[in-house]
Amino acid sequence: MAKEVSQKEYVAHHENLLFVTRKKIADEFSKLSYLQINALEHRVKDLKKKIGFAKSGIPTAFYIDG
């Protein structure tokens, strides 16, 4: 169930996910297949979009899966 959060919490949550995803790519690069790396890179791109939109100042409600 998703919970409504503030913009600041939303950005912090997604920045943490971005950090963890990038760390996983760096730490496990030699063990990952091409498809796994590609999926993680797409996740990084998606997280960057979410963070950018959240910081844009467009009024909206922010939800985090929880």
N, C-alpha and C. Protein backbone atom coordinates (compact mmCIF):
# COMPACT_ATOMS: atom_id res chain seq x y z
N MET A 1 0.84 -1.17 0.00
CA MET A 1 0.00 0.00 0.00
C MET A 1 0.89 1.24 0.00
N ALA A 2 0.55 2.17 -0.83
CA ALA A 2 1.34 3.40 -0.93
C ALA A 2 0.95 4.37 0.18
N LYS A 3 1.93 5.18 0.58
CA LYS A 3 1.63 6.20 1.60
C LYS A 3 2.04 7.56 1.05
N GLU A 4 1.22 8.55 1.36
CA GLU A 4 1.50 9.91 0.90
C GLU A 4 2.61 10.51 1.77
N VAL A 5 3.57 11.14 1.10
CA VAL A 5 4.71 11.74 1.80
C VAL A 5 4.95 13.15 1.27
N SER A 6 5.81 13.88 1.96
CA SER A 6 6.17 15.22 1.51
C SER A 6 7.14 15.12 0.34
N GLN A 7 7.31 16.23 -0.35
CA GLN A 7 8.24 16.28 -1.48
C GLN A 7 9.65 15.93 -1.01
N LYS A 8 10.04 16.44 0.14
CA LYS A 8 11.38 16.21 0.67
C LYS A 8 11.61 14.72 0.95
N GLU A 9 10.62 14.06 1.56
CA GLU A 9 10.73 12.62 1.84
C GLU A 9 10.79 11.82 0.55
N TYR A 10 9.97 12.21 -0.43
CA TYR A 10 9.93 11.52 -1.72
C TYR A 10 11.29 11.59 -2.41
N VAL A 11 11.86 12.78 -2.46
CA VAL A 11 13.17 12.96 -3.10
C VAL A 11 14.23 12.17 -2.36
N ALA A 12 14.24 12.24 -1.04
CA ALA A 12 15.23 11.50 -0.24
C ALA A 12 15.12 10.00 -0.47
N HIS A 13 13.90 9.49 -0.51
CA HIS A 13 13.67 8.06 -0.74
C HIS A 13 14.23 7.63 -2.09
N HIS A 14 13.91 8.39 -3.14
CA HIS A 14 14.36 8.02 -4.48
C HIS A 14 15.86 8.25 -4.68
N GLU A 15 16.42 9.26 -4.02
CA GLU A 15 17.87 9.44 -4.08
C GLU A 15 18.59 8.27 -3.41
N ASN A 16 18.02 7.74 -2.33
CA ASN A 16 18.59 6.57 -1.67
C ASN A 16 18.51 5.35 -2.59
N LEU A 17 17.37 5.15 -3.25
CA LEU A 17 17.24 4.04 -4.20
C LEU A 17 18.25 4.18 -5.34
N LEU A 18 18.45 5.39 -5.81
CA LEU A 18 19.41 5.65 -6.88
C LEU A 18 20.82 5.30 -6.42
N PHE A 19 21.18 5.69 -5.21
CA PHE A 19 22.50 5.38 -4.66
C PHE A 19 22.70 3.87 -4.57
N VAL A 20 21.71 3.17 -4.04
CA VAL A 20 21.80 1.71 -3.88
C VAL A 20 21.93 1.02 -5.24
N THR A 21 21.17 1.48 -6.21
CA THR A 21 21.22 0.88 -7.55
C THR A 21 22.58 1.10 -8.19
N ARG A 22 23.09 2.32 -8.10
CA ARG A 22 24.42 2.60 -8.68
C ARG A 22 25.51 1.79 -7.97
N LYS A 23 25.39 1.64 -6.66
CA LYS A 23 26.37 0.86 -5.90
C LYS A 23 26.33 -0.61 -6.33
N LYS A 24 25.13 -1.12 -6.55
CA LYS A 24 24.99 -2.51 -6.99
C LYS A 24 25.66 -2.71 -8.35
N ILE A 25 25.48 -1.76 -9.25
CA ILE A 25 26.12 -1.86 -10.57
C ILE A 25 27.63 -1.86 -10.40
N ALA A 26 28.16 -0.97 -9.59
CA ALA A 26 29.61 -0.86 -9.40
C ALA A 26 30.18 -2.09 -8.71
N ASP A 27 29.51 -2.57 -7.67
CA ASP A 27 30.03 -3.69 -6.88
C ASP A 27 29.94 -5.03 -7.59
N GLU A 28 28.89 -5.22 -8.37
CA GLU A 28 28.64 -6.53 -8.96
C GLU A 28 28.78 -6.54 -10.48
N PHE A 29 29.45 -5.54 -11.03
CA PHE A 29 29.52 -5.39 -12.48
C PHE A 29 30.01 -6.66 -13.17
N SER A 30 31.07 -7.26 -12.67
CA SER A 30 31.65 -8.43 -13.33
C SER A 30 30.77 -9.67 -13.20
N LYS A 31 29.86 -9.69 -12.24
CA LYS A 31 28.99 -10.86 -12.03
C LYS A 31 27.67 -10.76 -12.78
N LEU A 32 27.30 -9.55 -13.21
CA LEU A 32 26.00 -9.33 -13.83
C LEU A 32 26.03 -9.62 -15.33
N SER A 33 24.91 -10.12 -15.84
CA SER A 33 24.78 -10.33 -17.28
C SER A 33 24.46 -8.99 -17.94
N TYR A 34 24.55 -8.98 -19.25
CA TYR A 34 24.23 -7.77 -20.01
C TYR A 34 22.80 -7.32 -19.71
N LEU A 35 21.87 -8.26 -19.69
CA LEU A 35 20.46 -7.91 -19.46
C LEU A 35 20.24 -7.33 -18.07
N GLN A 36 20.94 -7.87 -17.07
CA GLN A 36 20.81 -7.34 -15.72
C GLN A 36 21.37 -5.92 -15.63
N ILE A 37 22.52 -5.70 -16.26
CA ILE A 37 23.11 -4.35 -16.27
C ILE A 37 22.18 -3.38 -16.99
N ASN A 38 21.64 -3.81 -18.11
CA ASN A 38 20.73 -2.97 -18.88
C ASN A 38 19.49 -2.60 -18.05
N ALA A 39 18.94 -3.58 -17.33
CA ALA A 39 17.77 -3.32 -16.48
C ALA A 39 18.11 -2.33 -15.37
N LEU A 40 19.28 -2.49 -14.76
CA LEU A 40 19.69 -1.57 -13.70
C LEU A 40 19.92 -0.16 -14.24
N GLU A 41 20.48 -0.06 -15.46
CA GLU A 41 20.69 1.25 -16.06
C GLU A 41 19.36 1.93 -16.37
N HIS A 42 18.36 1.15 -16.80
CA HIS A 42 17.03 1.72 -17.03
C HIS A 42 16.41 2.17 -15.71
N ARG A 43 16.66 1.44 -14.65
CA ARG A 43 16.15 1.83 -13.32
C ARG A 43 16.78 3.15 -12.88
N VAL A 44 18.08 3.31 -13.13
CA VAL A 44 18.77 4.56 -12.79
C VAL A 44 18.12 5.72 -13.56
N LYS A 45 17.88 5.51 -14.85
CA LYS A 45 17.27 6.55 -15.68
C LYS A 45 15.88 6.92 -15.15
N ASP A 46 15.08 5.90 -14.79
CA ASP A 46 13.74 6.13 -14.27
C ASP A 46 13.78 6.89 -12.94
N LEU A 47 14.69 6.51 -12.06
CA LEU A 47 14.81 7.19 -10.77
C LEU A 47 15.24 8.64 -10.95
N LYS A 48 16.15 8.90 -11.89
CA LYS A 48 16.58 10.28 -12.16
C LYS A 48 15.40 11.13 -12.64
N LYS A 49 14.54 10.54 -13.48
CA LYS A 49 13.36 11.26 -13.97
C LYS A 49 12.42 11.60 -12.81
N LYS A 50 12.19 10.63 -11.92
CA LYS A 50 11.30 10.86 -10.78
C LYS A 50 11.85 11.95 -9.88
N ILE A 51 13.14 11.93 -9.63
CA ILE A 51 13.76 12.94 -8.77
C ILE A 51 13.68 14.31 -9.44
N GLY A 52 13.98 14.36 -10.73
CA GLY A 52 13.91 15.62 -11.46
C GLY A 52 12.52 16.21 -11.46
N PHE A 53 11.50 15.37 -11.67
CA PHE A 53 10.12 15.85 -11.65
C PHE A 53 9.75 16.36 -10.26
N ALA A 54 10.15 15.62 -9.23
CA ALA A 54 9.82 16.01 -7.86
C ALA A 54 10.44 17.36 -7.51
N LYS A 55 11.64 17.61 -8.01
CA LYS A 55 12.33 18.87 -7.72
C LYS A 55 11.86 20.01 -8.61
N SER A 56 11.04 19.73 -9.62
CA SER A 56 10.62 20.76 -10.58
C SER A 56 9.67 21.79 -9.97
N GLY A 57 9.03 21.44 -8.87
CA GLY A 57 8.13 22.39 -8.23
C GLY A 57 6.70 22.32 -8.72
N ILE A 58 6.41 21.39 -9.62
CA ILE A 58 5.05 21.21 -10.11
C ILE A 58 4.22 20.63 -8.96
N PRO A 59 3.11 21.28 -8.61
CA PRO A 59 2.32 20.79 -7.47
C PRO A 59 1.70 19.42 -7.78
N THR A 60 1.94 18.48 -6.93
CA THR A 60 1.40 17.13 -7.08
C THR A 60 1.46 16.42 -5.73
N ALA A 61 0.85 15.27 -5.66
CA ALA A 61 0.93 14.44 -4.45
C ALA A 61 2.04 13.42 -4.67
N PHE A 62 2.80 13.15 -3.64
CA PHE A 62 3.91 12.20 -3.73
C PHE A 62 3.58 10.96 -2.91
N TYR A 63 3.78 9.80 -3.52
CA TYR A 63 3.50 8.53 -2.86
C TYR A 63 4.71 7.62 -2.94
N ILE A 64 4.92 6.85 -1.87
CA ILE A 64 5.98 5.86 -1.81
C ILE A 64 5.32 4.52 -1.52
N ASP A 65 5.70 3.50 -2.29
CA ASP A 65 5.19 2.15 -2.01
C ASP A 65 5.70 1.70 -0.67
N GLY A 66 4.84 1.14 0.11
CA GLY A 66 5.29 0.74 1.43
C GLY A 66 4.48 -0.35 1.93
